[in-house]
N, C-alpha and C. Protein backbone atom coordinates (compact mmCIF):
# COMPACT_ATOMS: atom_id res chain seq x y z
N UNK A 1 0.86 -1.17 0.00
CA UNK A 1 0.00 0.00 0.00
C UNK A 1 0.91 1.23 0.00
N UNK A 2 0.63 2.16 -0.88
CA UNK A 2 1.45 3.37 -0.99
C UNK A 2 1.19 4.30 0.20
N UNK A 3 2.12 5.22 0.40
CA UNK A 3 2.00 6.17 1.52
C UNK A 3 0.73 7.00 1.41
N UNK A 4 0.32 7.31 0.19
CA UNK A 4 -0.90 8.09 0.00
C UNK A 4 -2.10 7.36 0.61
N UNK A 5 -2.24 6.06 0.29
CA UNK A 5 -3.39 5.30 0.79
C UNK A 5 -3.28 5.05 2.29
N UNK A 6 -2.07 4.91 2.78
CA UNK A 6 -1.89 4.78 4.24
C UNK A 6 -2.39 6.05 4.93
N UNK A 7 -2.06 7.20 4.35
CA UNK A 7 -2.52 8.47 4.93
C UNK A 7 -4.04 8.60 4.86
N UNK A 8 -4.63 8.19 3.74
CA UNK A 8 -6.09 8.26 3.61
C UNK A 8 -6.74 7.31 4.61
N UNK A 9 -6.16 6.13 4.79
CA UNK A 9 -6.67 5.16 5.75
C UNK A 9 -6.60 5.73 7.17
N UNK A 10 -5.46 6.30 7.53
CA UNK A 10 -5.30 6.91 8.86
C UNK A 10 -6.28 8.07 9.06
N UNK A 11 -6.50 8.82 8.00
CA UNK A 11 -7.42 9.96 8.09
C UNK A 11 -8.82 9.52 8.50
N UNK A 12 -9.25 8.35 8.02
CA UNK A 12 -10.58 7.86 8.38
C UNK A 12 -10.68 7.64 9.89
N UNK A 13 -9.64 7.08 10.49
CA UNK A 13 -9.66 6.82 11.93
C UNK A 13 -9.46 8.10 12.74
N UNK A 14 -8.77 9.06 12.17
CA UNK A 14 -8.69 10.37 12.84
C UNK A 14 -10.06 11.03 12.86
N UNK A 15 -10.80 10.90 11.78
CA UNK A 15 -12.15 11.47 11.72
C UNK A 15 -13.09 10.74 12.68
N UNK A 16 -12.93 9.43 12.79
CA UNK A 16 -13.73 8.66 13.75
C UNK A 16 -13.46 9.17 15.16
N UNK A 17 -12.19 9.35 15.49
CA UNK A 17 -11.83 9.85 16.82
C UNK A 17 -12.43 11.23 17.06
N UNK A 18 -12.42 12.07 16.04
CA UNK A 18 -12.99 13.41 16.17
C UNK A 18 -14.51 13.35 16.39
N UNK A 19 -15.19 12.47 15.67
CA UNK A 19 -16.64 12.32 15.87
C UNK A 19 -16.93 11.83 17.29
N UNK A 20 -16.14 10.89 17.78
CA UNK A 20 -16.35 10.39 19.15
C UNK A 20 -16.09 11.49 20.17
N UNK A 21 -15.07 12.28 19.94
CA UNK A 21 -14.75 13.40 20.84
C UNK A 21 -15.88 14.44 20.84
N UNK A 22 -16.39 14.74 19.66
CA UNK A 22 -17.50 15.70 19.56
C UNK A 22 -18.75 15.17 20.25
N UNK A 23 -19.03 13.87 20.08
CA UNK A 23 -20.20 13.27 20.72
C UNK A 23 -20.08 13.37 22.23
N UNK A 24 -18.92 13.03 22.74
CA UNK A 24 -18.69 13.08 24.19
C UNK A 24 -18.81 14.51 24.71
N UNK A 25 -18.19 15.45 24.04
CA UNK A 25 -18.23 16.85 24.47
C UNK A 25 -19.65 17.39 24.43
N UNK A 26 -20.35 17.15 23.34
CA UNK A 26 -21.70 17.68 23.18
C UNK A 26 -22.65 17.06 24.21
N UNK A 27 -22.56 15.75 24.39
CA UNK A 27 -23.43 15.10 25.37
C UNK A 27 -23.15 15.61 26.78
N UNK A 28 -21.89 15.81 27.10
CA UNK A 28 -21.55 16.32 28.43
C UNK A 28 -22.05 17.75 28.62
N UNK A 29 -21.95 18.58 27.58
CA UNK A 29 -22.46 19.95 27.69
C UNK A 29 -23.96 19.95 27.93
N UNK A 30 -24.67 19.10 27.22
CA UNK A 30 -26.12 19.02 27.40
C UNK A 30 -26.46 18.51 28.80
N UNK A 31 -25.71 17.52 29.27
CA UNK A 31 -25.96 16.99 30.61
C UNK A 31 -25.73 18.06 31.67
N UNK A 32 -24.63 18.80 31.55
CA UNK A 32 -24.33 19.86 32.51
C UNK A 32 -25.41 20.93 32.47
N UNK A 33 -25.82 21.33 31.29
CA UNK A 33 -26.87 22.35 31.15
C UNK A 33 -28.18 21.87 31.77
N UNK A 34 -28.55 20.62 31.51
CA UNK A 34 -29.79 20.08 32.07
C UNK A 34 -29.74 20.01 33.59
N UNK A 35 -28.63 19.54 34.12
CA UNK A 35 -28.49 19.43 35.57
C UNK A 35 -28.45 20.82 36.20
N UNK A 36 -27.81 21.77 35.53
CA UNK A 36 -27.76 23.15 36.05
C UNK A 36 -29.17 23.75 36.09
N UNK A 37 -29.93 23.56 35.04
CA UNK A 37 -31.31 24.08 35.02
C UNK A 37 -32.11 23.46 36.16
N UNK A 38 -32.00 22.14 36.31
CA UNK A 38 -32.73 21.46 37.38
C UNK A 38 -32.25 21.92 38.75
N UNK A 39 -30.95 22.07 38.91
CA UNK A 39 -30.39 22.50 40.20
C UNK A 39 -30.83 23.90 40.58
N UNK A 40 -30.74 24.83 39.64
CA UNK A 40 -31.19 26.20 39.92
C UNK A 40 -32.69 26.23 40.21
N UNK A 41 -33.42 25.43 39.49
CA UNK A 41 -34.87 25.37 39.70
C UNK A 41 -35.18 24.87 41.11
N UNK A 42 -34.52 23.78 41.51
CA UNK A 42 -34.81 23.19 42.82
C UNK A 42 -34.33 24.06 43.97
N UNK A 43 -33.23 24.79 43.77
CA UNK A 43 -32.70 25.61 44.86
C UNK A 43 -33.30 27.02 44.89
N UNK A 44 -34.10 27.35 43.91
CA UNK A 44 -34.70 28.69 43.84
C UNK A 44 -35.77 28.86 44.92
N UNK A 45 -35.69 29.96 45.66
CA UNK A 45 -36.72 30.21 46.67
C UNK A 45 -38.03 30.71 46.05
N UNK A 46 -37.96 31.09 44.79
CA UNK A 46 -39.16 31.59 44.12
C UNK A 46 -40.12 30.45 43.79
N UNK A 47 -41.38 30.75 43.90
CA UNK A 47 -42.39 29.78 43.49
C UNK A 47 -42.81 30.13 42.07
N UNK A 48 -42.40 29.30 41.13
CA UNK A 48 -42.71 29.56 39.73
C UNK A 48 -44.12 29.08 39.41
N UNK A 49 -44.70 29.69 38.40
CA UNK A 49 -46.04 29.28 37.98
C UNK A 49 -45.97 27.93 37.28
N UNK A 50 -47.10 27.31 37.15
CA UNK A 50 -47.16 26.01 36.47
C UNK A 50 -46.70 26.15 35.02
N UNK A 51 -47.03 27.27 34.38
CA UNK A 51 -46.62 27.50 32.99
C UNK A 51 -45.10 27.55 32.89
N UNK A 52 -44.43 28.26 33.80
CA UNK A 52 -42.96 28.30 33.78
C UNK A 52 -42.37 26.93 34.06
N UNK A 53 -42.98 26.17 34.94
CA UNK A 53 -42.50 24.81 35.21
C UNK A 53 -42.59 23.94 33.97
N UNK A 54 -43.69 24.10 33.25
CA UNK A 54 -43.86 23.33 32.01
C UNK A 54 -42.79 23.74 30.99
N UNK A 55 -42.51 25.04 30.89
CA UNK A 55 -41.48 25.51 29.96
C UNK A 55 -40.11 24.96 30.33
N UNK A 56 -39.79 24.92 31.61
CA UNK A 56 -38.51 24.34 32.03
C UNK A 56 -38.41 22.88 31.63
N UNK A 57 -39.49 22.14 31.86
CA UNK A 57 -39.51 20.73 31.47
C UNK A 57 -39.35 20.58 29.96
N UNK A 58 -40.03 21.41 29.20
CA UNK A 58 -39.95 21.35 27.73
C UNK A 58 -38.53 21.67 27.26
N UNK A 59 -37.89 22.67 27.86
CA UNK A 59 -36.52 23.02 27.48
C UNK A 59 -35.58 21.84 27.74
N UNK A 60 -35.70 21.22 28.90
CA UNK A 60 -34.84 20.08 29.22
C UNK A 60 -35.10 18.93 28.24
N UNK A 61 -36.35 18.69 27.93
CA UNK A 61 -36.68 17.62 26.97
C UNK A 61 -36.09 17.93 25.60
N UNK A 62 -36.27 19.15 25.13
CA UNK A 62 -35.79 19.52 23.79
C UNK A 62 -34.28 19.40 23.68
N UNK A 63 -33.54 19.94 24.65
CA UNK A 63 -32.08 19.88 24.51
C UNK A 63 -31.56 18.45 24.62
N UNK A 64 -32.21 17.61 25.41
CA UNK A 64 -31.76 16.22 25.51
C UNK A 64 -32.17 15.40 24.30
N UNK A 65 -33.31 15.68 23.71
CA UNK A 65 -33.69 15.01 22.46
C UNK A 65 -32.71 15.41 21.36
N UNK A 66 -32.31 16.67 21.35
CA UNK A 66 -31.29 17.12 20.40
C UNK A 66 -29.98 16.35 20.64
N UNK A 67 -29.63 16.13 21.90
CA UNK A 67 -28.45 15.34 22.23
C UNK A 67 -28.56 13.91 21.73
N UNK A 68 -29.74 13.32 21.86
CA UNK A 68 -29.96 11.95 21.37
C UNK A 68 -29.79 11.90 19.85
N UNK A 69 -30.37 12.85 19.14
CA UNK A 69 -30.20 12.88 17.68
C UNK A 69 -28.73 13.08 17.29
N UNK A 70 -28.02 13.87 18.06
CA UNK A 70 -26.60 14.09 17.80
C UNK A 70 -25.81 12.80 17.96
N UNK A 71 -26.11 12.04 19.00
CA UNK A 71 -25.44 10.75 19.23
C UNK A 71 -25.71 9.79 18.08
N UNK A 72 -26.96 9.72 17.66
CA UNK A 72 -27.34 8.82 16.57
C UNK A 72 -26.64 9.22 15.27
N UNK A 73 -26.61 10.51 14.98
CA UNK A 73 -25.97 10.99 13.74
C UNK A 73 -24.46 10.76 13.77
N UNK A 74 -23.84 10.96 14.93
CA UNK A 74 -22.39 10.75 15.00
C UNK A 74 -22.06 9.28 14.76
N UNK A 75 -22.90 8.37 15.24
CA UNK A 75 -22.67 6.94 14.99
C UNK A 75 -22.74 6.65 13.49
N UNK A 76 -23.67 7.27 12.78
CA UNK A 76 -23.76 7.06 11.33
C UNK A 76 -22.47 7.50 10.63
N UNK A 77 -21.92 8.64 11.05
CA UNK A 77 -20.68 9.12 10.44
C UNK A 77 -19.51 8.22 10.80
N UNK A 78 -19.48 7.74 12.02
CA UNK A 78 -18.41 6.83 12.43
C UNK A 78 -18.45 5.55 11.60
N UNK A 79 -19.64 4.98 11.42
CA UNK A 79 -19.77 3.77 10.60
C UNK A 79 -19.38 4.05 9.15
N UNK A 80 -19.69 5.24 8.65
CA UNK A 80 -19.30 5.63 7.29
C UNK A 80 -17.77 5.61 7.15
N UNK A 81 -17.08 6.23 8.10
CA UNK A 81 -15.62 6.28 8.02
C UNK A 81 -14.99 4.90 8.22
N UNK A 82 -15.59 4.06 9.06
CA UNK A 82 -15.10 2.69 9.21
C UNK A 82 -15.24 1.93 7.90
N UNK A 83 -16.37 2.08 7.26
CA UNK A 83 -16.61 1.41 5.98
C UNK A 83 -15.62 1.88 4.92
N UNK A 84 -15.39 3.17 4.89
CA UNK A 84 -14.44 3.72 3.92
C UNK A 84 -13.04 3.17 4.17
N UNK A 85 -12.64 3.10 5.44
CA UNK A 85 -11.31 2.58 5.78
C UNK A 85 -11.19 1.11 5.37
N UNK A 86 -12.24 0.33 5.60
CA UNK A 86 -12.21 -1.09 5.21
C UNK A 86 -12.09 -1.25 3.69
N UNK A 87 -12.79 -0.41 2.95
CA UNK A 87 -12.71 -0.48 1.48
C UNK A 87 -11.29 -0.16 1.01
N UNK A 88 -10.68 0.85 1.62
CA UNK A 88 -9.31 1.22 1.24
C UNK A 88 -8.37 0.06 1.53
N UNK A 89 -8.53 -0.54 2.72
CA UNK A 89 -7.67 -1.65 3.11
C UNK A 89 -7.88 -2.84 2.18
N UNK A 90 -9.12 -3.14 1.85
CA UNK A 90 -9.41 -4.28 0.99
C UNK A 90 -8.81 -4.10 -0.40
N UNK A 91 -8.88 -2.89 -0.90
CA UNK A 91 -8.40 -2.63 -2.25
C UNK A 91 -6.87 -2.54 -2.34
N UNK A 92 -6.23 -2.09 -1.26
CA UNK A 92 -4.80 -1.81 -1.35
C UNK A 92 -3.91 -2.71 -0.50
N UNK A 93 -4.47 -3.50 0.39
CA UNK A 93 -3.68 -4.45 1.17
C UNK A 93 -4.58 -5.62 1.57
N UNK A 94 -4.75 -6.53 0.63
CA UNK A 94 -5.68 -7.65 0.80
C UNK A 94 -5.29 -8.52 2.00
N UNK A 95 -4.00 -8.73 2.20
CA UNK A 95 -3.54 -9.59 3.29
C UNK A 95 -3.92 -9.01 4.66
N UNK A 96 -3.69 -7.73 4.83
CA UNK A 96 -4.03 -7.07 6.09
C UNK A 96 -5.55 -7.02 6.27
N UNK A 97 -6.27 -6.80 5.19
CA UNK A 97 -7.73 -6.79 5.24
C UNK A 97 -8.26 -8.14 5.71
N UNK A 98 -7.72 -9.23 5.17
CA UNK A 98 -8.15 -10.57 5.58
C UNK A 98 -7.86 -10.82 7.05
N UNK A 99 -6.74 -10.29 7.52
CA UNK A 99 -6.40 -10.43 8.94
C UNK A 99 -7.48 -9.80 9.81
N UNK A 100 -7.91 -8.60 9.46
CA UNK A 100 -8.94 -7.91 10.25
C UNK A 100 -10.31 -8.56 10.09
N UNK A 101 -10.61 -9.05 8.89
CA UNK A 101 -11.91 -9.68 8.65
C UNK A 101 -12.02 -10.99 9.44
N UNK A 102 -10.93 -11.74 9.51
CA UNK A 102 -10.94 -13.03 10.20
C UNK A 102 -10.83 -12.90 11.71
N UNK A 103 -10.60 -11.71 12.18
CA UNK A 103 -10.48 -11.46 13.62
C UNK A 103 -11.85 -11.67 14.28
N UNK A 104 -11.86 -12.32 15.42
CA UNK A 104 -13.12 -12.55 16.15
C UNK A 104 -13.50 -11.27 16.88
N UNK A 105 -14.35 -10.51 16.26
CA UNK A 105 -14.77 -9.22 16.81
C UNK A 105 -16.29 -9.21 16.91
N UNK A 106 -16.82 -8.77 18.04
CA UNK A 106 -18.29 -8.72 18.14
C UNK A 106 -18.88 -7.70 17.17
N UNK A 107 -20.08 -7.96 16.73
CA UNK A 107 -20.79 -7.05 15.83
C UNK A 107 -21.37 -5.90 16.66
N UNK A 108 -20.85 -4.71 16.46
CA UNK A 108 -21.27 -3.57 17.28
C UNK A 108 -22.73 -3.18 17.03
N UNK A 109 -23.26 -3.54 15.87
CA UNK A 109 -24.66 -3.22 15.59
C UNK A 109 -25.62 -4.05 16.44
N UNK A 110 -25.14 -5.19 16.93
CA UNK A 110 -25.98 -6.06 17.76
C UNK A 110 -25.70 -5.87 19.26
N UNK A 111 -24.77 -5.01 19.59
CA UNK A 111 -24.39 -4.78 20.99
C UNK A 111 -25.27 -3.68 21.59
N UNK A 112 -26.13 -4.05 22.51
CA UNK A 112 -27.03 -3.07 23.14
C UNK A 112 -26.34 -2.24 24.21
N UNK A 113 -25.09 -2.55 24.51
CA UNK A 113 -24.36 -1.80 25.53
C UNK A 113 -23.23 -0.95 24.93
N UNK A 114 -23.28 -0.71 23.64
CA UNK A 114 -22.26 0.13 23.02
C UNK A 114 -22.45 1.58 23.48
N UNK A 115 -21.39 2.36 23.39
CA UNK A 115 -21.43 3.73 23.92
C UNK A 115 -22.57 4.59 23.40
N UNK A 116 -22.85 4.61 22.11
CA UNK A 116 -23.97 5.47 21.66
C UNK A 116 -25.30 5.10 22.32
N UNK A 117 -25.55 3.81 22.49
CA UNK A 117 -26.80 3.39 23.14
C UNK A 117 -26.81 3.86 24.59
N UNK A 118 -25.66 3.74 25.26
CA UNK A 118 -25.58 4.19 26.65
C UNK A 118 -25.80 5.70 26.76
N UNK A 119 -25.30 6.45 25.79
CA UNK A 119 -25.53 7.90 25.78
C UNK A 119 -27.01 8.23 25.57
N UNK A 120 -27.67 7.47 24.72
CA UNK A 120 -29.11 7.68 24.52
C UNK A 120 -29.85 7.43 25.83
N UNK A 121 -29.52 6.32 26.51
CA UNK A 121 -30.15 6.03 27.80
C UNK A 121 -29.83 7.11 28.83
N UNK A 122 -28.61 7.62 28.79
CA UNK A 122 -28.19 8.68 29.70
C UNK A 122 -29.06 9.93 29.51
N UNK A 123 -29.27 10.33 28.27
CA UNK A 123 -30.11 11.51 28.00
C UNK A 123 -31.57 11.25 28.36
N UNK A 124 -32.05 10.05 28.12
CA UNK A 124 -33.42 9.72 28.52
C UNK A 124 -33.57 9.77 30.05
N UNK A 125 -32.56 9.29 30.76
CA UNK A 125 -32.60 9.34 32.23
C UNK A 125 -32.62 10.78 32.73
N UNK A 126 -31.83 11.64 32.10
CA UNK A 126 -31.82 13.05 32.48
C UNK A 126 -33.21 13.66 32.26
N UNK A 127 -33.82 13.35 31.13
CA UNK A 127 -35.17 13.86 30.85
C UNK A 127 -36.13 13.39 31.93
N UNK A 128 -36.14 12.10 32.20
CA UNK A 128 -37.11 11.55 33.16
C UNK A 128 -36.89 12.10 34.57
N UNK A 129 -35.64 12.14 35.01
CA UNK A 129 -35.37 12.63 36.37
C UNK A 129 -35.68 14.12 36.51
N UNK A 130 -35.28 14.90 35.53
CA UNK A 130 -35.52 16.34 35.60
C UNK A 130 -37.01 16.66 35.57
N UNK A 131 -37.72 16.02 34.66
CA UNK A 131 -39.17 16.26 34.57
C UNK A 131 -39.86 15.77 35.85
N UNK A 132 -39.43 14.63 36.38
CA UNK A 132 -40.02 14.13 37.63
C UNK A 132 -39.80 15.11 38.77
N UNK A 133 -38.59 15.67 38.87
CA UNK A 133 -38.32 16.65 39.93
C UNK A 133 -39.17 17.91 39.77
N UNK A 134 -39.32 18.36 38.54
CA UNK A 134 -40.15 19.54 38.29
C UNK A 134 -41.61 19.25 38.65
N UNK A 135 -42.09 18.08 38.29
CA UNK A 135 -43.48 17.72 38.62
C UNK A 135 -43.66 17.63 40.13
N UNK A 136 -42.72 17.00 40.82
CA UNK A 136 -42.83 16.86 42.28
C UNK A 136 -42.84 18.22 42.95
N UNK A 137 -41.93 19.11 42.55
CA UNK A 137 -41.90 20.43 43.18
C UNK A 137 -43.16 21.22 42.85
N UNK A 138 -43.66 21.08 41.63
CA UNK A 138 -44.88 21.79 41.23
C UNK A 138 -46.07 21.32 42.07
N UNK A 139 -46.17 20.02 42.28
CA UNK A 139 -47.28 19.46 43.06
C UNK A 139 -47.17 19.89 44.52
N UNK A 140 -45.95 19.93 45.06
CA UNK A 140 -45.76 20.34 46.45
C UNK A 140 -46.16 21.80 46.67
N UNK A 141 -45.84 22.65 45.69
CA UNK A 141 -46.14 24.07 45.81
C UNK A 141 -47.64 24.32 45.66
N UNK A 142 -48.27 23.56 44.76
CA UNK A 142 -49.69 23.78 44.47
C UNK A 142 -50.56 23.26 45.56
């Protein structure tokens, strides 16, 4: 395999790493924002109206749903770059490609505990806990 194709192959994995880094950063920012909103809400001495409580819940739901879509989209791009890297390897270094193909590796599409799925569950848990806390405080005040 020529140096050009080696560089193109490496570039695919650099892009995969960048997508994973972006997913982690974005999910963490959303989690921090959601927890901060919930924390300020719970520690606030003000009694907010039911309408404002609903808006807070909606904001938390929207930003976490956006986080879920971001996780799903980043996985699609990661799989795209993996596929591209495999094609490059197959076309330019058949021996190395066969080594990786014959390797006993679990199918990540069938793994329900892969990181993107865990991030989706994480965002769903934030939604449920935050909304539950808002509902509980709203009921206590009313």
